[in-house]
Amino acid sequence: MGRVLDGISRELAAFLEAQPVFFVATAPDDPDGHVNCSPKGLDTFRVIDDHTVAYLDLTGSGVETVAHLRDNGRITLMFCAFAGRPDIVRLHGRGRAVAADAPDAAPLLARFPPVAGARTVIVVDVERVSSSCGFGVPRMTLDGPRDDLVTWAEKKGPDGITRYWQDKNATSIDGLPGIA
């Protein structure tokens, strides 16, 4: 059965950080705008404290999360146990995107291994932590992480990534500002 937790305990933090994939959902204020849900992986999630988390936002084909956070700040992260005891954890909160080259990004970036193509660090002030049974989530085994995104970013190099941001990440699919 579902339950609401007081915050992120040490045990819950260990569970969250151990998951090889998590999902991020955001939406613009415009009711005609597109809701976005994205999978994330590659050891990019960290618990900062019992009500703050962060993840490393890597360069991708879209920029919906950054644009939606600028629009209204609403964000939900979802973690599913694909092995072990069934569980689903959702972190609801307000997020902000800290550009990887911003001065206040350095202490955040230090929490992650260096990864080519890092755009921003998404910081979430967690307002609600909930857990539900996860009985419907399949058991799955992990073959391993995909390194395609990192390899692609390394081949592009810093200048190529910057050009990609200008060409593909300047606006969201709804025309909201993305990466400048």
C-alpha atoms as a PDB file:
ATOM      1  CA  MET A   1       0.000   0.000   0.000  1.00  0.00           C
ATOM      2  CA  GLY A   2       1.097   3.543  -0.632  1.00  0.00           C
ATOM      3  CA  ARG A   3       2.539   5.735   2.068  1.00  0.00           C
ATOM      4  CA  VAL A   4       3.932   9.237   2.409  1.00  0.00           C
ATOM      5  CA  LEU A   5       7.317   9.514   4.101  1.00  0.00           C
ATOM      6  CA  ASP A   6       8.725  12.359   6.207  1.00  0.00           C
ATOM      7  CA  GLY A   7      11.790  12.679   3.982  1.00  0.00           C
ATOM      8  CA  ILE A   8      14.623  10.689   2.467  1.00  0.00           C
ATOM      9  CA  SER A   9      16.149   8.431   5.115  1.00  0.00           C
ATOM     10  CA  ARG A  10      19.643   6.927   4.796  1.00  0.00           C
ATOM     11  CA  GLU A  11      18.108   3.597   3.823  1.00  0.00           C
ATOM     12  CA  LEU A  12      15.918   5.217   1.178  1.00  0.00           C
ATOM     13  CA  ALA A  13      18.862   7.261  -0.129  1.00  0.00           C
ATOM     14  CA  ALA A  14      20.842   4.029  -0.573  1.00  0.00           C
ATOM     15  CA  PHE A  15      17.934   2.486  -2.505  1.00  0.00           C
ATOM     16  CA  LEU A  16      17.527   5.557  -4.731  1.00  0.00           C
ATOM     17  CA  GLU A  17      21.226   5.886  -5.524  1.00  0.00           C
ATOM     18  CA  ALA A  18      21.499   2.155  -6.281  1.00  0.00           C
ATOM     19  CA  GLN A  19      18.870   2.216  -9.033  1.00  0.00           C
ATOM     20  CA  PRO A  20      20.393   2.037 -12.532  1.00  0.00           C
ATOM     21  CA  VAL A  21      17.507   3.999 -14.051  1.00  0.00           C
ATOM     22  CA  PHE A  22      14.995   6.570 -12.841  1.00  0.00           C
ATOM     23  CA  PHE A  23      12.351   8.647 -14.574  1.00  0.00           C
ATOM     24  CA  VAL A  24      11.794  12.404 -14.587  1.00  0.00           C
ATOM     25  CA  ALA A  25       8.409  13.997 -15.335  1.00  0.00           C
ATOM     26  CA  THR A  26       7.674  17.686 -15.941  1.00  0.00           C
ATOM     27  CA  ALA A  27       5.040  19.738 -17.736  1.00  0.00           C
ATOM     28  CA  PRO A  28       4.654  23.342 -18.826  1.00  0.00           C
ATOM     29  CA  ASP A  29       1.951  25.608 -17.399  1.00  0.00           C
ATOM     30  CA  ASP A  30       0.253  25.817 -20.792  1.00  0.00           C
ATOM     31  CA  PRO A  31      -2.499  23.148 -20.797  1.00  0.00           C
ATOM     32  CA  ASP A  32      -1.814  22.560 -24.496  1.00  0.00           C
ATOM     33  CA  GLY A  33       1.895  21.964 -23.805  1.00  0.00           C
ATOM     34  CA  HIS A  34       3.477  18.537 -23.814  1.00  0.00           C
ATOM     35  CA  VAL A  35       4.004  16.543 -20.627  1.00  0.00           C
ATOM     36  CA  ASN A  36       7.492  15.070 -20.628  1.00  0.00           C
ATOM     37  CA  CYS A  37       8.786  11.877 -19.041  1.00  0.00           C
ATOM     38  CA  SER A  38      12.444  10.949 -19.519  1.00  0.00           C
ATOM     39  CA  PRO A  39      14.541   7.987 -18.383  1.00  0.00           C
ATOM     40  CA  LYS A  40      17.880   8.768 -16.733  1.00  0.00           C
ATOM     41  CA  GLY A  41      20.827   6.558 -15.865  1.00  0.00           C
ATOM     42  CA  LEU A  42      24.639   6.425 -15.955  1.00  0.00           C
ATOM     43  CA  ASP A  43      25.186   7.043 -12.222  1.00  0.00           C
ATOM     44  CA  THR A  44      23.775  10.573 -12.455  1.00  0.00           C
ATOM     45  CA  PHE A  45      21.617  10.768  -9.298  1.00  0.00           C
ATOM     46  CA  ARG A  46      22.607  11.939  -5.810  1.00  0.00           C
ATOM     47  CA  VAL A  47      20.803  12.581  -2.534  1.00  0.00           C
ATOM     48  CA  ILE A  48      22.037  15.857  -1.022  1.00  0.00           C
ATOM     49  CA  ASP A  49      19.993  15.714   2.204  1.00  0.00           C
ATOM     50  CA  ASP A  50      16.635  14.437   3.420  1.00  0.00           C
ATOM     51  CA  HIS A  51      14.721  16.954   1.260  1.00  0.00           C
ATOM     52  CA  THR A  52      17.150  17.737  -1.582  1.00  0.00           C
ATOM     53  CA  VAL A  53      18.338  15.655  -4.513  1.00  0.00           C
ATOM     54  CA  ALA A  54      20.261  16.397  -7.690  1.00  0.00           C
ATOM     55  CA  TYR A  55      20.970  14.719 -10.959  1.00  0.00           C
ATOM     56  CA  LEU A  56      23.400  15.386 -13.755  1.00  0.00           C
ATOM     57  CA  ASP A  57      21.510  16.430 -16.884  1.00  0.00           C
ATOM     58  CA  LEU A  58      23.340  15.176 -19.957  1.00  0.00           C
ATOM     59  CA  THR A  59      23.037  16.555 -23.484  1.00  0.00           C
ATOM     60  CA  GLY A  60      20.147  14.988 -25.316  1.00  0.00           C
ATOM     61  CA  SER A  61      17.851  15.518 -28.245  1.00  0.00           C
ATOM     62  CA  GLY A  62      15.400  17.545 -26.169  1.00  0.00           C
ATOM     63  CA  VAL A  63      15.517  20.116 -23.427  1.00  0.00           C
ATOM     64  CA  GLU A  64      12.046  19.732 -21.958  1.00  0.00           C
ATOM     65  CA  THR A  65      13.022  19.362 -18.299  1.00  0.00           C
ATOM     66  CA  VAL A  66      15.139  22.519 -18.280  1.00  0.00           C
ATOM     67  CA  ALA A  67      12.443  24.484 -20.129  1.00  0.00           C
ATOM     68  CA  HIS A  68       9.645  23.254 -17.861  1.00  0.00           C
ATOM     69  CA  LEU A  69      11.612  24.016 -14.709  1.00  0.00           C
ATOM     70  CA  ARG A  70      12.165  27.554 -15.942  1.00  0.00           C
ATOM     71  CA  ASP A  71       8.445  27.796 -16.663  1.00  0.00           C
ATOM     72  CA  ASN A  72       7.093  26.563 -13.321  1.00  0.00           C
ATOM     73  CA  GLY A  73       9.634  24.472 -11.375  1.00  0.00           C
ATOM     74  CA  ARG A  74       7.362  21.406 -10.975  1.00  0.00           C
ATOM     75  CA  ILE A  75       9.081  18.030 -11.200  1.00  0.00           C
ATOM     76  CA  THR A  76       8.570  14.417 -10.151  1.00  0.00           C
ATOM     77  CA  LEU A  77      11.266  11.733 -10.076  1.00  0.00           C
ATOM     78  CA  MET A  78      10.229   8.077 -10.004  1.00  0.00           C
ATOM     79  CA  PHE A  79      12.352   5.081  -9.038  1.00  0.00           C
ATOM     80  CA  CYS A  80      11.263   1.450  -9.503  1.00  0.00           C
ATOM     81  CA  ALA A  81      12.800  -1.644  -7.960  1.00  0.00           C
ATOM     82  CA  PHE A  82      13.319  -4.060 -10.857  1.00  0.00           C
ATOM     83  CA  ALA A  83      15.108  -6.514  -8.537  1.00  0.00           C
ATOM     84  CA  GLY A  84      14.678  -7.378  -4.873  1.00  0.00           C
ATOM     85  CA  ARG A  85      11.699  -6.234  -2.824  1.00  0.00           C
ATOM     86  CA  PRO A  86       9.044  -4.530  -5.013  1.00  0.00           C
ATOM     87  CA  ASP A  87       8.900  -0.777  -4.490  1.00  0.00           C
ATOM     88  CA  ILE A  88       8.138   2.438  -6.345  1.00  0.00           C
ATOM     89  CA  VAL A  89       9.328   5.745  -4.891  1.00  0.00           C
ATOM     90  CA  ARG A  90       8.253   9.158  -6.140  1.00  0.00           C
ATOM     91  CA  LEU A  91       9.926  12.425  -5.226  1.00  0.00           C
ATOM     92  CA  HIS A  92       7.683  15.438  -5.908  1.00  0.00           C
ATOM     93  CA  GLY A  93       9.142  18.905  -5.683  1.00  0.00           C
ATOM     94  CA  ARG A  94      10.409  22.111  -7.167  1.00  0.00           C
ATOM     95  CA  GLY A  95      13.486  21.996  -9.327  1.00  0.00           C
ATOM     96  CA  ARG A  96      15.982  24.294 -10.906  1.00  0.00           C
ATOM     97  CA  ALA A  97      18.610  23.811 -13.582  1.00  0.00           C
ATOM     98  CA  VAL A  98      22.122  24.956 -12.696  1.00  0.00           C
ATOM     99  CA  ALA A  99      24.236  25.378 -15.843  1.00  0.00           C
ATOM    100  CA  ALA A 100      27.335  23.186 -15.705  1.00  0.00           C
ATOM    101  CA  ASP A 101      29.556  26.222 -16.325  1.00  0.00           C
ATOM    102  CA  ALA A 102      27.910  28.378 -13.611  1.00  0.00           C
ATOM    103  CA  PRO A 103      30.018  29.156 -10.533  1.00  0.00           C
ATOM    104  CA  ASP A 104      27.502  27.524  -8.172  1.00  0.00           C
ATOM    105  CA  ALA A 105      27.647  24.281 -10.200  1.00  0.00           C
ATOM    106  CA  ALA A 106      31.161  23.319  -9.044  1.00  0.00           C
ATOM    107  CA  PRO A 107      30.197  21.824  -5.640  1.00  0.00           C
ATOM    108  CA  LEU A 108      27.299  19.994  -7.270  1.00  0.00           C
ATOM    109  CA  LEU A 109      29.413  18.636 -10.125  1.00  0.00           C
ATOM    110  CA  ALA A 110      31.991  17.387  -7.602  1.00  0.00           C
ATOM    111  CA  ARG A 111      29.399  14.820  -6.447  1.00  0.00           C
ATOM    112  CA  PHE A 112      29.430  13.083  -9.852  1.00  0.00           C
ATOM    113  CA  PRO A 113      32.076  11.425 -11.983  1.00  0.00           C
ATOM    114  CA  PRO A 114      33.063  13.673 -14.894  1.00  0.00           C
ATOM    115  CA  VAL A 115      30.837  12.954 -17.898  1.00  0.00           C
ATOM    116  CA  ALA A 116      31.201  14.436 -21.382  1.00  0.00           C
ATOM    117  CA  GLY A 117      28.150  16.422 -22.442  1.00  0.00           C
ATOM    118  CA  ALA A 118      26.930  17.466 -18.981  1.00  0.00           C
ATOM    119  CA  ARG A 119      24.585  20.437 -19.570  1.00  0.00           C
ATOM    120  CA  THR A 120      23.161  21.222 -16.177  1.00  0.00           C
ATOM    121  CA  VAL A 121      22.685  19.872 -12.706  1.00  0.00           C
ATOM    122  CA  ILE A 122      19.016  19.581 -11.849  1.00  0.00           C
ATOM    123  CA  VAL A 123      18.500  20.328  -8.151  1.00  0.00           C
ATOM    124  CA  VAL A 124      15.168  19.350  -6.613  1.00  0.00           C
ATOM    125  CA  ASP A 125      13.761  20.637  -3.343  1.00  0.00           C
ATOM    126  CA  VAL A 126      11.674  17.607  -2.419  1.00  0.00           C
ATOM    127  CA  GLU A 127       8.247  18.516  -1.015  1.00  0.00           C
ATOM    128  CA  ARG A 128       6.708  15.031  -0.956  1.00  0.00           C
ATOM    129  CA  VAL A 129       8.227  11.537  -0.758  1.00  0.00           C
ATOM    130  CA  SER A 130       5.902   8.630  -1.435  1.00  0.00           C
ATOM    131  CA  SER A 131       6.322   4.889  -1.719  1.00  0.00           C
ATOM    132  CA  SER A 132       3.970   2.335  -3.251  1.00  0.00           C
ATOM    133  CA  CYS A 133       4.007  -1.432  -3.619  1.00  0.00           C
ATOM    134  CA  GLY A 134       5.563  -1.933  -7.048  1.00  0.00           C
ATOM    135  CA  PHE A 135       3.802  -5.294  -7.407  1.00  0.00           C
ATOM    136  CA  GLY A 136       3.124  -4.567 -11.101  1.00  0.00           C
ATOM    137  CA  VAL A 137       6.745  -3.693 -11.953  1.00  0.00           C
ATOM    138  CA  PRO A 138       8.493  -6.598 -13.680  1.00  0.00           C
ATOM    139  CA  ARG A 139      11.649  -8.209 -12.331  1.00  0.00           C
ATOM    140  CA  MET A 140      14.482  -7.411 -14.702  1.00  0.00           C
ATOM    141  CA  THR A 141      18.207  -7.999 -14.805  1.00  0.00           C
ATOM    142  CA  LEU A 142      20.692  -5.353 -15.840  1.00  0.00           C
ATOM    143  CA  ASP A 143      23.108  -6.213 -18.640  1.00  0.00           C
ATOM    144  CA  GLY A 144      24.999  -2.986 -18.049  1.00  0.00           C
ATOM    145  CA  PRO A 145      24.919   0.732 -18.796  1.00  0.00           C
ATOM    146  CA  ARG A 146      24.934   2.037 -22.348  1.00  0.00           C
ATOM    147  CA  ASP A 147      27.876   4.291 -23.063  1.00  0.00           C
ATOM    148  CA  ASP A 148      26.559   5.543 -26.428  1.00  0.00           C
ATOM    149  CA  LEU A 149      25.538   8.996 -25.143  1.00  0.00           C
ATOM    150  CA  VAL A 150      28.894   9.624 -23.474  1.00  0.00           C
ATOM    151  CA  THR A 151      30.849   8.319 -26.497  1.00  0.00           C
ATOM    152  CA  TRP A 152      28.770  10.556 -28.790  1.00  0.00           C
ATOM    153  CA  ALA A 153      29.481  13.609 -26.594  1.00  0.00           C
ATOM    154  CA  GLU A 154      33.204  12.812 -26.395  1.00  0.00           C
ATOM    155  CA  LYS A 155      33.396  12.594 -30.218  1.00  0.00           C
ATOM    156  CA  LYS A 156      31.598  15.932 -30.592  1.00  0.00           C
ATOM    157  CA  GLY A 157      33.996  17.643 -28.177  1.00  0.00           C
ATOM    158  CA  PRO A 158      33.178  20.780 -26.162  1.00  0.00           C
ATOM    159  CA  ASP A 159      32.768  23.046 -29.220  1.00  0.00           C
ATOM    160  CA  GLY A 160      30.564  20.503 -30.983  1.00  0.00           C
ATOM    161  CA  ILE A 161      28.404  20.109 -27.879  1.00  0.00           C
ATOM    162  CA  THR A 162      27.982  23.885 -27.632  1.00  0.00           C
ATOM    163  CA  ARG A 163      26.916  24.025 -31.289  1.00  0.00           C
ATOM    164  CA  TYR A 164      24.493  21.139 -30.663  1.00  0.00           C
ATOM    165  CA  TRP A 165      22.941  23.030 -27.741  1.00  0.00           C
ATOM    166  CA  GLN A 166      22.483  26.078 -29.982  1.00  0.00           C
ATOM    167  CA  ASP A 167      20.971  24.000 -32.802  1.00  0.00           C
ATOM    168  CA  LYS A 168      18.894  21.433 -30.897  1.00  0.00           C
ATOM    169  CA  ASN A 169      18.488  22.590 -27.276  1.00  0.00           C
ATOM    170  CA  ALA A 170      17.683  26.305 -27.617  1.00  0.00           C
ATOM    171  CA  THR A 171      13.931  25.732 -27.186  1.00  0.00           C
ATOM    172  CA  SER A 172      11.578  23.010 -26.039  1.00  0.00           C
ATOM    173  CA  ILE A 173       9.108  21.282 -28.353  1.00  0.00           C
ATOM    174  CA  ASP A 174       6.552  23.855 -27.145  1.00  0.00           C
ATOM    175  CA  GLY A 175       8.867  26.800 -27.889  1.00  0.00           C
ATOM    176  CA  LEU A 176       9.912  27.504 -24.282  1.00  0.00           C
ATOM    177  CA  PRO A 177      13.493  28.714 -23.701  1.00  0.00           C
ATOM    178  CA  GLY A 178      15.995  25.893 -23.186  1.00  0.00           C
ATOM    179  CA  ILE A 179      19.798  26.125 -23.245  1.00  0.00           C
ATOM    180  CA  ALA A 180      20.965  29.558 -24.377  1.00  0.00           C
END
